[in-house]
Structure formats: C-alpha cells, structure tokens
C-alpha cells in the first residue's frame, strides 16, 4: 500500500472518530459511560451541565485536525504547517494508545475496550506507514 492510500485511510478513520465524539454528545450520559468517558462526565451530563459536551466537542475538533493532517499528507488538501512532524506525532499518539491492547489482553479487559485499542493501533499504524512511505514527498 502506498503512502497516499494509507494516509487517506487514516484521515477517514480520524474523521469517523471525530464524528463519533459528536454523536456521543447527542446520545448523552449512556454514550459517555459506554465509551469510557467516566462516571463524573456522565453524571454531569445527566445534571444538564454543558461541560461534558464542551470537552467532547473539543476532542472531536482535535480528531478533525488529525484527519486534516492525514489528508494533507496524502496530497488531498493543501500542505499544512509542520506536516511531517504532525503526522509522526499523530501516528505515535494513536499507536501508544493502541498499545494498551497488550495489557488489556493480559488483564482480560471488556471486549469493547479491546476493540477501541485495536482501532487506535490500526489508525496509528496507518499514519506511521503512510508517513514513512510518503516521507520524501512530504519534505517538499
């Protein structure tokens, strides 16, 4: 797989993660609990606080930026600043999060947590593979 395709896949997956976070805001406390945001945020959402929504939409914005960097690296949109650095850092963030899969497997984690970690690892690998394959072109 060439770098552009891997980065486009990474961008689509990051955009999906961003969209999921927006959906979580609309579903409310049940979604906060299911996706592991914590009981405190779920209770605050139940009480009508805007804080969980603000935090979650902020996280969605970060994932949107991640997607934009992937699409920029793939050449689908204009070049963003610090493109190489951004792609490597984003890939490492996803990969480190995904590596929790190892300890979760050893500890017998809840299956959905295993899926969340596996998805993170997959996205991280797509970013890092795509960046590696496109590296010479990304320097221009």
Foldseek 3Di string as FASTA:
>chain_A
DFLLVLLLVLLVLLLVVLVVLQVDLVVALVSCVVVPVDPVLRVCRVVVDCVSVVVSNVVSVVSNVSSVLSCCLSVNDPHDPPSLVSLLVQLVVLQVQLVVLVVCVVVVHDVVSNVSSVSSNSSSCSSVRSCVNSVVVSVD
